[in-house]
Structure formats: structure tokens, C-alpha cells
Amino acid sequence: MIKKSIFITKSKIVRIWPELILNSVQNFINTERKILVHALIAATALQFAHFPQLKALSLVK
């Protein structure tokens, strides 16, 4: 009986494990992307604050 239950839990873990890894990787990627986007926004905002003429140039592009 014990052996059987151990086997069942092992197969469940094997089934769940890849999903957990995928989810954590996706969460990590999403978090990284958000950080990058915020960094880009901050950098462009700083650029605009320091160089108003760049704002006109980037709007033309």
C-alpha cells in the first residue's frame, strides 16, 4: 500500500514539476520585461528633461 502511494505521488510531482518550472520562468521573464520597460521610460524621461531638443528629434522620427 505504501509503495503504491509513493508511486502515485512521484508521478504527480513529475507531472506538476515542468509546469511549475515554466510558470516561474514566465514570471521571471515578465518581471524582467517590466523592469526594462520602466528603465527605458525613466531613461527617456531623463533625456527629455536634460535635452529638450532631443524631444523634437524623437517626435520627428
N, C-alpha and C. Protein backbone atom coordinates (compact mmCIF):
# COMPACT_ATOMS: atom_id res chain seq x y z
N MET A 1 0.83 -1.21 0.00
CA MET A 1 0.00 0.00 0.00
C MET A 1 0.87 1.26 0.00
N ILE A 2 1.89 1.27 0.86
CA ILE A 2 2.76 2.44 0.96
C ILE A 2 3.51 2.66 -0.35
N LYS A 3 4.03 1.56 -0.90
CA LYS A 3 4.76 1.67 -2.17
C LYS A 3 3.87 2.28 -3.26
N LYS A 4 2.63 1.85 -3.29
CA LYS A 4 1.71 2.34 -4.30
C LYS A 4 1.49 3.85 -4.15
N SER A 5 1.29 4.31 -2.95
CA SER A 5 1.04 5.74 -2.72
C SER A 5 2.28 6.57 -3.07
N ILE A 6 3.45 6.04 -2.76
CA ILE A 6 4.69 6.74 -3.11
C ILE A 6 4.79 6.89 -4.63
N PHE A 7 4.45 5.84 -5.33
CA PHE A 7 4.50 5.87 -6.79
C PHE A 7 3.53 6.92 -7.34
N ILE A 8 2.34 6.97 -6.76
CA ILE A 8 1.33 7.93 -7.22
C ILE A 8 1.82 9.37 -7.00
N THR A 9 2.37 9.64 -5.82
CA THR A 9 2.84 11.00 -5.55
C THR A 9 4.01 11.34 -6.47
N LYS A 10 4.90 10.37 -6.72
CA LYS A 10 6.02 10.61 -7.63
C LYS A 10 5.52 11.00 -9.01
N SER A 11 4.54 10.27 -9.52
CA SER A 11 4.03 10.57 -10.87
C SER A 11 3.34 11.93 -10.89
N LYS A 12 2.65 12.27 -9.80
CA LYS A 12 2.02 13.59 -9.71
C LYS A 12 3.07 14.69 -9.73
N ILE A 13 4.12 14.51 -8.95
CA ILE A 13 5.19 15.50 -8.89
C ILE A 13 5.84 15.67 -10.26
N VAL A 14 6.08 14.54 -10.92
CA VAL A 14 6.67 14.58 -12.25
C VAL A 14 5.77 15.35 -13.22
N ARG A 15 4.48 15.19 -13.05
CA ARG A 15 3.54 15.88 -13.93
C ARG A 15 3.49 17.37 -13.61
N ILE A 16 3.51 17.72 -12.33
CA ILE A 16 3.37 19.12 -11.92
C ILE A 16 4.68 19.89 -12.10
N TRP A 17 5.80 19.22 -11.88
CA TRP A 17 7.11 19.87 -11.88
C TRP A 17 7.40 20.75 -13.10
N PRO A 18 7.26 20.23 -14.34
CA PRO A 18 7.56 21.07 -15.52
C PRO A 18 6.69 22.32 -15.57
N GLU A 19 5.41 22.19 -15.17
CA GLU A 19 4.53 23.35 -15.16
C GLU A 19 5.02 24.40 -14.18
N LEU A 20 5.47 23.95 -13.01
CA LEU A 20 5.99 24.88 -12.02
C LEU A 20 7.20 25.62 -12.56
N ILE A 21 8.11 24.86 -13.19
CA ILE A 21 9.32 25.48 -13.75
C ILE A 21 8.93 26.50 -14.83
N LEU A 22 8.02 26.11 -15.71
CA LEU A 22 7.57 27.01 -16.77
C LEU A 22 6.96 28.28 -16.20
N ASN A 23 6.10 28.12 -15.20
CA ASN A 23 5.45 29.28 -14.58
C ASN A 23 6.47 30.22 -13.97
N SER A 24 7.44 29.67 -13.24
CA SER A 24 8.42 30.53 -12.60
C SER A 24 9.29 31.24 -13.64
N VAL A 25 9.63 30.53 -14.71
CA VAL A 25 10.42 31.16 -15.79
C VAL A 25 9.62 32.29 -16.43
N GLN A 26 8.34 32.04 -16.71
CA GLN A 26 7.50 33.07 -17.31
C GLN A 26 7.35 34.27 -16.38
N ASN A 27 7.17 34.02 -15.10
CA ASN A 27 7.06 35.11 -14.13
C ASN A 27 8.34 35.93 -14.12
N PHE A 28 9.48 35.23 -14.15
CA PHE A 28 10.77 35.91 -14.15
C PHE A 28 10.92 36.79 -15.39
N ILE A 29 10.56 36.24 -16.55
CA ILE A 29 10.67 36.99 -17.81
C ILE A 29 9.76 38.21 -17.76
N ASN A 30 8.54 38.03 -17.28
CA ASN A 30 7.60 39.15 -17.20
C ASN A 30 8.13 40.24 -16.28
N THR A 31 8.68 39.83 -15.14
CA THR A 31 9.23 40.80 -14.20
C THR A 31 10.39 41.55 -14.83
N GLU A 32 11.29 40.82 -15.49
CA GLU A 32 12.43 41.44 -16.16
C GLU A 32 11.95 42.44 -17.20
N ARG A 33 10.94 42.06 -17.96
CA ARG A 33 10.42 42.93 -19.01
C ARG A 33 9.87 44.21 -18.40
N LYS A 34 9.12 44.08 -17.30
CA LYS A 34 8.57 45.26 -16.63
C LYS A 34 9.68 46.17 -16.16
N ILE A 35 10.73 45.58 -15.57
CA ILE A 35 11.86 46.39 -15.08
C ILE A 35 12.51 47.12 -16.25
N LEU A 36 12.70 46.41 -17.36
CA LEU A 36 13.31 47.02 -18.55
C LEU A 36 12.46 48.16 -19.06
N VAL A 37 11.16 47.95 -19.15
CA VAL A 37 10.26 48.99 -19.64
C VAL A 37 10.33 50.22 -18.74
N HIS A 38 10.31 50.02 -17.44
CA HIS A 38 10.40 51.15 -16.51
C HIS A 38 11.72 51.86 -16.65
N ALA A 39 12.79 51.10 -16.83
CA ALA A 39 14.11 51.70 -17.00
C ALA A 39 14.15 52.54 -18.28
N LEU A 40 13.57 52.00 -19.34
CA LEU A 40 13.53 52.74 -20.62
C LEU A 40 12.72 54.02 -20.47
N ILE A 41 11.58 53.92 -19.81
CA ILE A 41 10.73 55.10 -19.60
C ILE A 41 11.50 56.15 -18.80
N ALA A 42 12.15 55.70 -17.74
CA ALA A 42 12.91 56.62 -16.89
C ALA A 42 14.04 57.27 -17.69
N ALA A 43 14.74 56.47 -18.50
CA ALA A 43 15.86 56.99 -19.28
C ALA A 43 15.38 58.01 -20.30
N THR A 44 14.29 57.72 -20.99
CA THR A 44 13.78 58.67 -21.97
C THR A 44 13.27 59.93 -21.30
N ALA A 45 12.63 59.77 -20.13
CA ALA A 45 12.14 60.94 -19.40
C ALA A 45 13.32 61.83 -19.00
N LEU A 46 14.40 61.18 -18.54
CA LEU A 46 15.60 61.95 -18.16
C LEU A 46 16.18 62.66 -19.37
N GLN A 47 16.24 61.96 -20.49
CA GLN A 47 16.75 62.56 -21.73
C GLN A 47 15.95 63.80 -22.07
N PHE A 48 14.64 63.67 -22.04
CA PHE A 48 13.77 64.78 -22.39
C PHE A 48 13.98 65.95 -21.43
N ALA A 49 14.17 65.62 -20.17
CA ALA A 49 14.35 66.68 -19.17
C ALA A 49 15.66 67.42 -19.41
N HIS A 50 16.71 66.68 -19.77
CA HIS A 50 18.02 67.30 -19.96
C HIS A 50 18.18 67.94 -21.33
N PHE A 51 17.62 67.29 -22.35
CA PHE A 51 17.81 67.79 -23.71
C PHE A 51 16.45 67.97 -24.39
N PRO A 52 15.84 69.11 -24.25
CA PRO A 52 14.53 69.34 -24.88
C PRO A 52 14.58 69.20 -26.40
N GLN A 53 15.77 69.51 -27.00
CA GLN A 53 15.87 69.42 -28.46
C GLN A 53 15.77 67.96 -28.92
N LEU A 54 16.17 66.99 -28.05
CA LEU A 54 16.05 65.57 -28.40
C LEU A 54 14.58 65.18 -28.52
N LYS A 55 13.74 65.81 -27.71
CA LYS A 55 12.31 65.51 -27.74
C LYS A 55 11.75 65.80 -29.14
N ALA A 56 12.12 66.93 -29.69
CA ALA A 56 11.64 67.30 -31.02
C ALA A 56 12.14 66.29 -32.05
N LEU A 57 13.43 65.91 -31.94
CA LEU A 57 14.02 64.96 -32.89
C LEU A 57 13.31 63.61 -32.82
N SER A 58 13.08 63.11 -31.61
CA SER A 58 12.47 61.78 -31.47
C SER A 58 11.01 61.81 -31.93
N LEU A 59 10.34 62.93 -31.79
CA LEU A 59 8.96 63.03 -32.25
C LEU A 59 8.92 63.03 -33.78
N VAL A 60 9.95 63.60 -34.41
CA VAL A 60 10.01 63.62 -35.87
C VAL A 60 10.19 62.21 -36.41
N LYS A 61 11.04 61.41 -35.74
CA LYS A 61 11.24 60.01 -36.14
C LYS A 61 9.93 59.30 -35.99
